[in-house]
C-alpha atoms as a PDB file:
ATOM      1  CA  UNK A   1      -0.023   0.013   0.004  1.00  0.00           C
ATOM      2  CA  UNK A   2       1.111   3.522  -0.696  1.00  0.00           C
ATOM      3  CA  UNK A   3      -0.107   6.828   0.693  1.00  0.00           C
ATOM      4  CA  UNK A   4      -0.014   9.888  -1.583  1.00  0.00           C
ATOM      5  CA  UNK A   5      -0.977  13.452  -0.784  1.00  0.00           C
ATOM      6  CA  UNK A   6      -1.195  16.370  -3.166  1.00  0.00           C
ATOM      7  CA  UNK A   7      -3.076  17.521  -6.245  1.00  0.00           C
ATOM      8  CA  UNK A   8      -1.979  17.018  -9.800  1.00  0.00           C
ATOM      9  CA  UNK A   9      -1.177  19.832 -12.238  1.00  0.00           C
ATOM     10  CA  UNK A  10      -0.373  19.814 -15.876  1.00  0.00           C
ATOM     11  CA  UNK A  11       3.329  19.461 -16.652  1.00  0.00           C
ATOM     12  CA  UNK A  12       4.714  22.825 -17.603  1.00  0.00           C
ATOM     13  CA  UNK A  13       7.827  24.978 -17.910  1.00  0.00           C
ATOM     14  CA  UNK A  14       9.221  27.093 -15.097  1.00  0.00           C
ATOM     15  CA  UNK A  15      11.330  30.166 -15.797  1.00  0.00           C
ATOM     16  CA  UNK A  16      14.552  30.330 -13.772  1.00  0.00           C
ATOM     17  CA  UNK A  17      18.269  30.502 -14.112  1.00  0.00           C
ATOM     18  CA  UNK A  18      20.049  27.149 -13.946  1.00  0.00           C
ATOM     19  CA  UNK A  19      20.835  26.149 -10.364  1.00  0.00           C
ATOM     20  CA  UNK A  20      21.354  22.624  -9.062  1.00  0.00           C
ATOM     21  CA  UNK A  21      19.582  19.518 -10.157  1.00  0.00           C
ATOM     22  CA  UNK A  22      17.521  17.055  -8.111  1.00  0.00           C
ATOM     23  CA  UNK A  23      16.361  13.533  -8.904  1.00  0.00           C
ATOM     24  CA  UNK A  24      14.361  10.987  -6.946  1.00  0.00           C
ATOM     25  CA  UNK A  25      12.894   7.588  -7.497  1.00  0.00           C
ATOM     26  CA  UNK A  26      10.401   5.673  -5.340  1.00  0.00           C
ATOM     27  CA  UNK A  27       9.855   2.059  -6.402  1.00  0.00           C
ATOM     28  CA  UNK A  28       6.302   0.687  -6.126  1.00  0.00           C
ATOM     29  CA  UNK A  29       6.878  -2.584  -8.060  1.00  0.00           C
ATOM     30  CA  UNK A  30       9.339  -4.776  -6.157  1.00  0.00           C
ATOM     31  CA  UNK A  31      10.581  -6.264  -9.449  1.00  0.00           C
ATOM     32  CA  UNK A  32      12.223  -2.927 -10.186  1.00  0.00           C
ATOM     33  CA  UNK A  33      14.115  -2.726  -6.867  1.00  0.00           C
ATOM     34  CA  UNK A  34      17.329  -4.372  -8.192  1.00  0.00           C
ATOM     35  CA  UNK A  35      17.425  -1.655 -10.876  1.00  0.00           C
ATOM     36  CA  UNK A  36      17.022   1.304  -8.522  1.00  0.00           C
ATOM     37  CA  UNK A  37      20.695   2.307  -8.645  1.00  0.00           C
ATOM     38  CA  UNK A  38      21.119   2.026 -12.404  1.00  0.00           C
ATOM     39  CA  UNK A  39      17.953   4.067 -13.004  1.00  0.00           C
ATOM     40  CA  UNK A  40      18.893   6.682 -10.416  1.00  0.00           C
ATOM     41  CA  UNK A  41      22.397   6.873 -11.824  1.00  0.00           C
ATOM     42  CA  UNK A  42      21.176   7.657 -15.323  1.00  0.00           C
ATOM     43  CA  UNK A  43      18.882  10.337 -13.941  1.00  0.00           C
ATOM     44  CA  UNK A  44      21.704  11.911 -11.970  1.00  0.00           C
ATOM     45  CA  UNK A  45      24.060  11.958 -14.909  1.00  0.00           C
ATOM     46  CA  UNK A  46      21.567  13.842 -17.048  1.00  0.00           C
ATOM     47  CA  UNK A  47      21.648  16.684 -14.497  1.00  0.00           C
ATOM     48  CA  UNK A  48      25.436  17.197 -14.806  1.00  0.00           C
ATOM     49  CA  UNK A  49      25.140  20.573 -16.461  1.00  0.00           C
ATOM     50  CA  UNK A  50      22.823  21.895 -13.739  1.00  0.00           C
ATOM     51  CA  UNK A  51      25.414  21.085 -11.029  1.00  0.00           C
ATOM     52  CA  UNK A  52      28.919  20.227 -12.177  1.00  0.00           C
ATOM     53  CA  UNK A  53      30.636  21.073  -8.856  1.00  0.00           C
ATOM     54  CA  UNK A  54      29.677  18.136  -6.668  1.00  0.00           C
ATOM     55  CA  UNK A  55      27.073  15.442  -6.287  1.00  0.00           C
ATOM     56  CA  UNK A  56      25.567  13.028  -3.849  1.00  0.00           C
ATOM     57  CA  UNK A  57      22.831  10.505  -3.353  1.00  0.00           C
ATOM     58  CA  UNK A  58      21.114   8.384  -0.713  1.00  0.00           C
ATOM     59  CA  UNK A  59      19.860   4.896  -1.369  1.00  0.00           C
ATOM     60  CA  UNK A  60      17.407   3.055   0.834  1.00  0.00           C
ATOM     61  CA  UNK A  61      18.333  -0.660   0.816  1.00  0.00           C
ATOM     62  CA  UNK A  62      16.956  -3.567   2.754  1.00  0.00           C
ATOM     63  CA  UNK A  63      17.968  -3.431   6.363  1.00  0.00           C
ATOM     64  CA  UNK A  64      18.430  -6.144   8.980  1.00  0.00           C
ATOM     65  CA  UNK A  65      16.270  -5.924  12.097  1.00  0.00           C
ATOM     66  CA  UNK A  66      18.308  -4.640  15.025  1.00  0.00           C
ATOM     67  CA  UNK A  67      21.158  -3.422  12.817  1.00  0.00           C
ATOM     68  CA  UNK A  68      22.198   0.171  12.232  1.00  0.00           C
ATOM     69  CA  UNK A  69      24.217   1.395   9.280  1.00  0.00           C
ATOM     70  CA  UNK A  70      26.504   4.379   9.783  1.00  0.00           C
ATOM     71  CA  UNK A  71      27.928   5.915   6.626  1.00  0.00           C
ATOM     72  CA  UNK A  72      31.284   7.703   7.150  1.00  0.00           C
ATOM     73  CA  UNK A  73      33.454   9.745   4.854  1.00  0.00           C
ATOM     74  CA  UNK A  74      37.247   9.816   4.912  1.00  0.00           C
ATOM     75  CA  UNK A  75      39.818  12.142   3.382  1.00  0.00           C
ATOM     76  CA  UNK A  76      41.330  11.242   0.009  1.00  0.00           C
ATOM     77  CA  UNK A  77      43.626   8.235   0.377  1.00  0.00           C
ATOM     78  CA  UNK A  78      42.314   7.161   3.774  1.00  0.00           C
ATOM     79  CA  UNK A  79      43.187   3.514   4.429  1.00  0.00           C
ATOM     80  CA  UNK A  80      40.107   1.625   5.554  1.00  0.00           C
ATOM     81  CA  UNK A  81      42.045  -1.645   5.899  1.00  0.00           C
ATOM     82  CA  UNK A  82      41.712  -3.064   9.348  1.00  0.00           C
ATOM     83  CA  UNK A  83      39.028  -0.591  10.491  1.00  0.00           C
ATOM     84  CA  UNK A  84      36.519  -3.337  11.061  1.00  0.00           C
ATOM     85  CA  UNK A  85      38.911  -5.235  13.339  1.00  0.00           C
ATOM     86  CA  UNK A  86      39.917  -2.146  15.304  1.00  0.00           C
ATOM     87  CA  UNK A  87      36.326  -1.096  15.892  1.00  0.00           C
ATOM     88  CA  UNK A  88      35.238  -4.604  16.815  1.00  0.00           C
ATOM     89  CA  UNK A  89      38.036  -4.915  19.305  1.00  0.00           C
ATOM     90  CA  UNK A  90      37.344  -1.497  20.796  1.00  0.00           C
ATOM     91  CA  UNK A  91      33.643  -2.115  21.450  1.00  0.00           C
ATOM     92  CA  UNK A  92      33.821  -5.822  22.133  1.00  0.00           C
ATOM     93  CA  UNK A  93      31.441  -7.009  19.429  1.00  0.00           C
ATOM     94  CA  UNK A  94      31.560  -7.591  15.683  1.00  0.00           C
ATOM     95  CA  UNK A  95      31.351  -4.583  13.323  1.00  0.00           C
ATOM     96  CA  UNK A  96      31.362  -4.833   9.528  1.00  0.00           C
ATOM     97  CA  UNK A  97      32.794  -2.212   7.219  1.00  0.00           C
ATOM     98  CA  UNK A  98      31.866  -2.034   3.507  1.00  0.00           C
ATOM     99  CA  UNK A  99      34.098   0.398   1.645  1.00  0.00           C
ATOM    100  CA  UNK A 100      32.826   2.610  -1.236  1.00  0.00           C
ATOM    101  CA  UNK A 101      35.760   4.739  -2.427  1.00  0.00           C
ATOM    102  CA  UNK A 102      36.127   7.553   0.135  1.00  0.00           C
ATOM    103  CA  UNK A 103      33.145   6.387   2.096  1.00  0.00           C
ATOM    104  CA  UNK A 104      32.327   3.286   4.129  1.00  0.00           C
ATOM    105  CA  UNK A 105      29.155   1.833   5.578  1.00  0.00           C
ATOM    106  CA  UNK A 106      29.695   0.518   9.111  1.00  0.00           C
ATOM    107  CA  UNK A 107      27.069  -1.955  10.360  1.00  0.00           C
ATOM    108  CA  UNK A 108      26.564  -2.673  14.033  1.00  0.00           C
ATOM    109  CA  UNK A 109      23.769  -3.640  16.391  1.00  0.00           C
ATOM    110  CA  UNK A 110      21.500  -0.656  17.026  1.00  0.00           C
ATOM    111  CA  UNK A 111      22.304  -0.567  20.736  1.00  0.00           C
ATOM    112  CA  UNK A 112      26.046  -0.107  20.009  1.00  0.00           C
ATOM    113  CA  UNK A 113      25.832   3.112  18.022  1.00  0.00           C
ATOM    114  CA  UNK A 114      27.249   5.300  20.806  1.00  0.00           C
ATOM    115  CA  UNK A 115      30.104   2.848  21.353  1.00  0.00           C
ATOM    116  CA  UNK A 116      30.941   2.775  17.641  1.00  0.00           C
ATOM    117  CA  UNK A 117      30.977   6.577  17.408  1.00  0.00           C
ATOM    118  CA  UNK A 118      33.225   6.816  20.476  1.00  0.00           C
ATOM    119  CA  UNK A 119      35.530   4.191  18.944  1.00  0.00           C
ATOM    120  CA  UNK A 120      35.627   6.079  15.641  1.00  0.00           C
ATOM    121  CA  UNK A 121      36.688   9.237  17.483  1.00  0.00           C
ATOM    122  CA  UNK A 122      39.589   7.303  18.980  1.00  0.00           C
ATOM    123  CA  UNK A 123      40.579   4.956  16.163  1.00  0.00           C
ATOM    124  CA  UNK A 124      39.847   7.093  13.100  1.00  0.00           C
ATOM    125  CA  UNK A 125      39.184  10.752  13.984  1.00  0.00           C
ATOM    126  CA  UNK A 126      39.645  11.694  10.307  1.00  0.00           C
ATOM    127  CA  UNK A 127      36.301  10.066   9.489  1.00  0.00           C
ATOM    128  CA  UNK A 128      33.078  12.113   9.459  1.00  0.00           C
ATOM    129  CA  UNK A 129      29.590  10.624   9.876  1.00  0.00           C
ATOM    130  CA  UNK A 130      27.393  11.668   6.944  1.00  0.00           C
ATOM    131  CA  UNK A 131      24.333   9.528   7.635  1.00  0.00           C
ATOM    132  CA  UNK A 132      22.856   6.809   9.790  1.00  0.00           C
ATOM    133  CA  UNK A 133      19.834   4.565   9.666  1.00  0.00           C
ATOM    134  CA  UNK A 134      18.509   1.068   9.408  1.00  0.00           C
ATOM    135  CA  UNK A 135      18.225   1.336   5.636  1.00  0.00           C
ATOM    136  CA  UNK A 136      19.839   4.544   4.362  1.00  0.00           C
ATOM    137  CA  UNK A 137      23.308   4.700   2.835  1.00  0.00           C
ATOM    138  CA  UNK A 138      24.528   8.210   1.849  1.00  0.00           C
ATOM    139  CA  UNK A 139      27.420   9.155  -0.433  1.00  0.00           C
ATOM    140  CA  UNK A 140      28.650  12.547  -1.700  1.00  0.00           C
ATOM    141  CA  UNK A 141      31.815  14.047  -3.168  1.00  0.00           C
ATOM    142  CA  UNK A 142      33.228  16.940  -5.174  1.00  0.00           C
ATOM    143  CA  UNK A 143      33.307  16.314  -8.910  1.00  0.00           C
ATOM    144  CA  UNK A 144      31.117  15.796 -11.959  1.00  0.00           C
ATOM    145  CA  UNK A 145      27.948  13.927 -10.982  1.00  0.00           C
ATOM    146  CA  UNK A 146      28.503  11.127 -13.523  1.00  0.00           C
ATOM    147  CA  UNK A 147      31.954  10.501 -12.147  1.00  0.00           C
ATOM    148  CA  UNK A 148      30.773  10.624  -8.555  1.00  0.00           C
ATOM    149  CA  UNK A 149      28.089   8.057  -9.319  1.00  0.00           C
ATOM    150  CA  UNK A 150      30.646   5.741 -10.941  1.00  0.00           C
ATOM    151  CA  UNK A 151      33.111   6.128  -8.061  1.00  0.00           C
ATOM    152  CA  UNK A 152      30.557   4.849  -5.593  1.00  0.00           C
ATOM    153  CA  UNK A 153      29.052   2.194  -7.857  1.00  0.00           C
ATOM    154  CA  UNK A 154      25.561   3.626  -7.762  1.00  0.00           C
ATOM    155  CA  UNK A 155      24.508   1.657 -10.839  1.00  0.00           C
ATOM    156  CA  UNK A 156      25.075  -1.632  -8.923  1.00  0.00           C
ATOM    157  CA  UNK A 157      22.926  -0.696  -5.912  1.00  0.00           C
ATOM    158  CA  UNK A 158      19.411  -2.009  -5.445  1.00  0.00           C
ATOM    159  CA  UNK A 159      16.767  -0.625  -3.088  1.00  0.00           C
ATOM    160  CA  UNK A 160      13.277   0.686  -2.640  1.00  0.00           C
ATOM    161  CA  UNK A 161      13.941   4.411  -3.178  1.00  0.00           C
ATOM    162  CA  UNK A 162      16.644   7.006  -3.486  1.00  0.00           C
ATOM    163  CA  UNK A 163      17.294  10.678  -4.036  1.00  0.00           C
ATOM    164  CA  UNK A 164      20.209  12.530  -5.640  1.00  0.00           C
ATOM    165  CA  UNK A 165      21.583  16.011  -6.171  1.00  0.00           C
ATOM    166  CA  UNK A 166      23.978  17.835  -8.509  1.00  0.00           C
ATOM    167  CA  UNK A 167      25.278  21.066  -7.052  1.00  0.00           C
ATOM    168  CA  UNK A 168      26.105  24.390  -8.601  1.00  0.00           C
ATOM    169  CA  UNK A 169      27.697  26.350  -5.755  1.00  0.00           C
ATOM    170  CA  UNK A 170      26.301  29.897  -5.698  1.00  0.00           C
ATOM    171  CA  UNK A 171      26.752  31.048  -2.126  1.00  0.00           C
ATOM    172  CA  UNK A 172      29.603  28.936  -0.697  1.00  0.00           C
ATOM    173  CA  UNK A 173      32.774  27.134  -1.607  1.00  0.00           C
ATOM    174  CA  UNK A 174      32.895  23.865  -3.536  1.00  0.00           C
ATOM    175  CA  UNK A 175      33.556  21.285  -0.866  1.00  0.00           C
ATOM    176  CA  UNK A 176      32.280  17.825   0.008  1.00  0.00           C
ATOM    177  CA  UNK A 177      30.756  19.283   3.160  1.00  0.00           C
ATOM    178  CA  UNK A 178      28.660  21.543   0.872  1.00  0.00           C
ATOM    179  CA  UNK A 179      27.359  18.661  -1.225  1.00  0.00           C
ATOM    180  CA  UNK A 180      23.870  17.244  -0.764  1.00  0.00           C
ATOM    181  CA  UNK A 181      22.088  15.193   0.565  1.00  0.00           C
ATOM    182  CA  UNK A 182      22.129  16.352   4.166  1.00  0.00           C
ATOM    183  CA  UNK A 183      21.060  13.978   6.907  1.00  0.00           C
ATOM    184  CA  UNK A 184      20.320  15.097  10.443  1.00  0.00           C
ATOM    185  CA  UNK A 185      17.991  12.316  11.555  1.00  0.00           C
ATOM    186  CA  UNK A 186      17.749   8.512  11.523  1.00  0.00           C
ATOM    187  CA  UNK A 187      17.044   7.304   7.990  1.00  0.00           C
ATOM    188  CA  UNK A 188      16.170  10.876   6.961  1.00  0.00           C
ATOM    189  CA  UNK A 189      17.809  13.078   4.340  1.00  0.00           C
ATOM    190  CA  UNK A 190      17.028  16.019   2.122  1.00  0.00           C
ATOM    191  CA  UNK A 191      18.149  17.608  -1.190  1.00  0.00           C
ATOM    192  CA  UNK A 192      17.324  21.178  -2.084  1.00  0.00           C
ATOM    193  CA  UNK A 193      17.276  23.467  -5.099  1.00  0.00           C
ATOM    194  CA  UNK A 194      17.004  27.136  -4.065  1.00  0.00           C
ATOM    195  CA  UNK A 195      17.968  29.293  -1.099  1.00  0.00           C
ATOM    196  CA  UNK A 196      16.495  29.914   2.335  1.00  0.00           C
ATOM    197  CA  UNK A 197      16.515  33.511   3.594  1.00  0.00           C
ATOM    198  CA  UNK A 198      15.940  32.825   7.296  1.00  0.00           C
ATOM    199  CA  UNK A 199      18.243  29.834   7.794  1.00  0.00           C
ATOM    200  CA  UNK A 200      20.388  31.612  10.366  1.00  0.00           C
ATOM    201  CA  UNK A 201      17.377  32.360  12.592  1.00  0.00           C
ATOM    202  CA  UNK A 202      16.110  28.783  12.221  1.00  0.00           C
ATOM    203  CA  UNK A 203      19.546  27.351  12.947  1.00  0.00           C
ATOM    204  CA  UNK A 204      19.745  29.339  16.222  1.00  0.00           C
ATOM    205  CA  UNK A 205      16.305  28.088  17.247  1.00  0.00           C
ATOM    206  CA  UNK A 206      17.181  24.453  16.455  1.00  0.00           C
ATOM    207  CA  UNK A 207      20.440  24.722  18.393  1.00  0.00           C
ATOM    208  CA  UNK A 208      18.404  25.763  21.410  1.00  0.00           C
ATOM    209  CA  UNK A 209      16.396  22.553  20.865  1.00  0.00           C
ATOM    210  CA  UNK A 210      19.610  20.534  21.052  1.00  0.00           C
ATOM    211  CA  UNK A 211      20.401  20.051  17.364  1.00  0.00           C
ATOM    212  CA  UNK A 212      23.976  20.409  16.072  1.00  0.00           C
ATOM    213  CA  UNK A 213      25.156  21.421  12.628  1.00  0.00           C
ATOM    214  CA  UNK A 214      28.375  20.575  10.798  1.00  0.00           C
ATOM    215  CA  UNK A 215      28.172  23.370   8.194  1.00  0.00           C
ATOM    216  CA  UNK A 216      26.716  26.781   7.542  1.00  0.00           C
ATOM    217  CA  UNK A 217      24.682  25.468   4.613  1.00  0.00           C
ATOM    218  CA  UNK A 218      20.997  26.435   4.485  1.00  0.00           C
ATOM    219  CA  UNK A 219      20.080  22.949   3.266  1.00  0.00           C
ATOM    220  CA  UNK A 220      21.436  21.362   6.432  1.00  0.00           C
ATOM    221  CA  UNK A 221      19.111  23.689   8.368  1.00  0.00           C
ATOM    222  CA  UNK A 222      16.107  22.497   6.319  1.00  0.00           C
ATOM    223  CA  UNK A 223      17.099  18.841   6.994  1.00  0.00           C
ATOM    224  CA  UNK A 224      17.516  19.631  10.685  1.00  0.00           C
ATOM    225  CA  UNK A 225      14.167  21.411  10.844  1.00  0.00           C
ATOM    226  CA  UNK A 226      12.368  18.358   9.415  1.00  0.00           C
ATOM    227  CA  UNK A 227      14.242  15.987  11.727  1.00  0.00           C
ATOM    228  CA  UNK A 228      13.245  18.105  14.674  1.00  0.00           C
ATOM    229  CA  UNK A 229       9.565  18.238  13.674  1.00  0.00           C
ATOM    230  CA  UNK A 230       9.518  14.472  13.280  1.00  0.00           C
ATOM    231  CA  UNK A 231      11.218  14.011  16.674  1.00  0.00           C
ATOM    232  CA  UNK A 232       8.380  16.147  18.049  1.00  0.00           C
ATOM    233  CA  UNK A 233       5.886  13.641  16.680  1.00  0.00           C
ATOM    234  CA  UNK A 234       5.062  14.828  13.166  1.00  0.00           C
ATOM    235  CA  UNK A 235       4.755  12.416  10.279  1.00  0.00           C
ATOM    236  CA  UNK A 236       6.754  13.461   7.221  1.00  0.00           C
ATOM    237  CA  UNK A 237       3.776  15.173   5.573  1.00  0.00           C
ATOM    238  CA  UNK A 238       2.938  17.223   8.673  1.00  0.00           C
ATOM    239  CA  UNK A 239       6.588  18.247   9.107  1.00  0.00           C
ATOM    240  CA  UNK A 240       6.570  19.623   5.541  1.00  0.00           C
ATOM    241  CA  UNK A 241       3.317  21.491   6.200  1.00  0.00           C
ATOM    242  CA  UNK A 242       5.014  23.183   9.139  1.00  0.00           C
ATOM    243  CA  UNK A 243       8.023  23.973   6.930  1.00  0.00           C
ATOM    244  CA  UNK A 244       5.744  26.050   4.713  1.00  0.00           C
ATOM    245  CA  UNK A 245       5.073  28.274   7.707  1.00  0.00           C
ATOM    246  CA  UNK A 246       8.554  28.397   9.185  1.00  0.00           C
ATOM    247  CA  UNK A 247      11.050  28.350   6.283  1.00  0.00           C
ATOM    248  CA  UNK A 248      11.346  31.453   4.091  1.00  0.00           C
ATOM    249  CA  UNK A 249      12.874  31.620   0.653  1.00  0.00           C
ATOM    250  CA  UNK A 250      12.577  29.773  -2.628  1.00  0.00           C
ATOM    251  CA  UNK A 251      13.017  26.063  -2.623  1.00  0.00           C
ATOM    252  CA  UNK A 252      12.170  22.659  -3.994  1.00  0.00           C
ATOM    253  CA  UNK A 253      12.750  19.923  -1.393  1.00  0.00           C
ATOM    254  CA  UNK A 254      12.955  16.194  -2.048  1.00  0.00           C
ATOM    255  CA  UNK A 255      13.046  14.198   1.181  1.00  0.00           C
ATOM    256  CA  UNK A 256      13.807  10.576   1.928  1.00  0.00           C
ATOM    257  CA  UNK A 257      12.850   8.569   5.035  1.00  0.00           C
ATOM    258  CA  UNK A 258      13.040   4.914   5.835  1.00  0.00           C
ATOM    259  CA  UNK A 259       9.524   4.377   4.556  1.00  0.00           C
ATOM    260  CA  UNK A 260       8.969   7.068   1.990  1.00  0.00           C
ATOM    261  CA  UNK A 261       9.671   9.899  -0.316  1.00  0.00           C
ATOM    262  CA  UNK A 262       8.278  13.455  -0.371  1.00  0.00           C
ATOM    263  CA  UNK A 263       8.328  16.607  -2.496  1.00  0.00           C
ATOM    264  CA  UNK A 264       7.593  20.192  -1.545  1.00  0.00           C
ATOM    265  CA  UNK A 265       7.888  23.452  -3.531  1.00  0.00           C
ATOM    266  CA  UNK A 266       7.655  26.924  -1.989  1.00  0.00           C
ATOM    267  CA  UNK A 267       4.474  28.992  -2.540  1.00  0.00           C
ATOM    268  CA  UNK A 268       5.945  30.806  -5.558  1.00  0.00           C
ATOM    269  CA  UNK A 269       7.526  27.651  -7.105  1.00  0.00           C
ATOM    270  CA  UNK A 270      10.137  29.472  -9.073  1.00  0.00           C
ATOM    271  CA  UNK A 271      12.388  26.438  -9.265  1.00  0.00           C
ATOM    272  CA  UNK A 272      11.460  23.877 -11.942  1.00  0.00           C
ATOM    273  CA  UNK A 273      10.141  20.425 -11.068  1.00  0.00           C
ATOM    274  CA  UNK A 274       8.427  17.610 -12.881  1.00  0.00           C
ATOM    275  CA  UNK A 275       7.189  14.207 -11.756  1.00  0.00           C
ATOM    276  CA  UNK A 276       6.085  10.966 -13.376  1.00  0.00           C
ATOM    277  CA  UNK A 277       4.035   8.174 -11.862  1.00  0.00           C
ATOM    278  CA  UNK A 278       3.349   4.664 -13.182  1.00  0.00           C
ATOM    279  CA  UNK A 279       2.213   1.459 -11.529  1.00  0.00           C
ATOM    280  CA  UNK A 280       5.863   0.673 -11.005  1.00  0.00           C
ATOM    281  CA  UNK A 281       7.391   3.894  -9.619  1.00  0.00           C
ATOM    282  CA  UNK A 282       7.161   7.576  -8.819  1.00  0.00           C
ATOM    283  CA  UNK A 283       9.994   9.724 -10.204  1.00  0.00           C
ATOM    284  CA  UNK A 284      11.122  13.313  -9.692  1.00  0.00           C
ATOM    285  CA  UNK A 285      13.398  15.441 -11.813  1.00  0.00           C
ATOM    286  CA  UNK A 286      14.324  19.087 -11.957  1.00  0.00           C
ATOM    287  CA  UNK A 287      13.711  18.744 -15.664  1.00  0.00           C
ATOM    288  CA  UNK A 288      11.806  16.207 -17.720  1.00  0.00           C
ATOM    289  CA  UNK A 289      14.955  15.074 -19.553  1.00  0.00           C
ATOM    290  CA  UNK A 290      16.013  13.384 -16.266  1.00  0.00           C
ATOM    291  CA  UNK A 291      13.022  11.039 -16.613  1.00  0.00           C
ATOM    292  CA  UNK A 292      13.002  10.204 -20.341  1.00  0.00           C
ATOM    293  CA  UNK A 293      14.993   6.951 -19.985  1.00  0.00           C
ATOM    294  CA  UNK A 294      12.794   5.426 -17.278  1.00  0.00           C
ATOM    295  CA  UNK A 295      10.880   2.274 -18.192  1.00  0.00           C
ATOM    296  CA  UNK A 296       7.317   2.952 -19.290  1.00  0.00           C
ATOM    297  CA  UNK A 297       7.743   6.728 -19.231  1.00  0.00           C
ATOM    298  CA  UNK A 298       5.640   7.006 -22.395  1.00  0.00           C
ATOM    299  CA  UNK A 299       2.584   5.769 -20.437  1.00  0.00           C
ATOM    300  CA  UNK A 300       3.364   7.618 -17.208  1.00  0.00           C
ATOM    301  CA  UNK A 301       1.225  10.310 -15.715  1.00  0.00           C
ATOM    302  CA  UNK A 302       3.534  13.306 -15.949  1.00  0.00           C
ATOM    303  CA  UNK A 303       2.776  16.434 -13.936  1.00  0.00           C
ATOM    304  CA  UNK A 304       4.301  19.516 -12.354  1.00  0.00           C
ATOM    305  CA  UNK A 305       3.915  19.502  -8.541  1.00  0.00           C
ATOM    306  CA  UNK A 306       1.867  22.450  -7.399  1.00  0.00           C
ATOM    307  CA  UNK A 307       3.235  25.262  -5.211  1.00  0.00           C
ATOM    308  CA  UNK A 308       2.905  24.929  -1.443  1.00  0.00           C
ATOM    309  CA  UNK A 309       1.551  21.433  -1.772  1.00  0.00           C
ATOM    310  CA  UNK A 310       2.957  18.411   0.090  1.00  0.00           C
ATOM    311  CA  UNK A 311       3.363  15.226  -1.907  1.00  0.00           C
ATOM    312  CA  UNK A 312       4.184  12.056   0.015  1.00  0.00           C
ATOM    313  CA  UNK A 313       4.483   8.465  -1.079  1.00  0.00           C
ATOM    314  CA  UNK A 314       5.005   5.893   1.673  1.00  0.00           C
ATOM    315  CA  UNK A 315       4.886   2.210   2.127  1.00  0.00           C
ATOM    316  CA  UNK A 316       2.099   1.557   4.615  1.00  0.00           C
END
């Protein structure tokens, strides 16, 4: 079963200057799950010219009950050899480490997260945590999006849903820390096209609520805001409804959680967005050309998401 909220609108053109690219894919037909990575990779590559500076993506793969996955990023040339053994010895239980270029996914029992993070600080302080969850794996780096996707082997990853981003840096330096997605909650991440005007005020408020931030990026604030709303008891859709009241600026958000996928555009909707839905999937792209290679796109219902309208697809 899937829940969907939001009204349809005819697909159309939005006038704006080029700025970042977003893609997303939510699989409804389980037979397509092994192809998630290859489909998402092709969508991401098409958006290279919208964001040639850096790229990233999050994939939601099958999890193991009671197991947590912590995605970490290391500096160029970091030697991951032996990390599994060192962490396992430090916390007194088995930890697995799956390396993906400059990133690694560390799997441990959910009750040992604090111990693993403490061990990382001692054994490998160069590593930074970029995401955590039962199902989410998150990767991002500086470079052309097609090359970033190949470095991490996105085309070989299966899963139920995923989101991706190609960045054109307009207000900050080109760094891996500035790349999307941003994750500030368990199995939750966000990609963003646009700019928030009140992110400094919101950041200060969220810090008073106990949230921490690794960067000055406005997108990290948006991710933190949604994580905070959901910690307060909101479902994803309700958190996005609150975002319409509390976040100022122009934006298109695509959000991933352990169970779903959501889209929100600001009330003016000056950033382009197009979606396609079939019996097998729901897809999002900043431009339609990101969707043209998807299977069955000729028969898909293609529409432009309306301004200030929350769209959520979840497995229920």
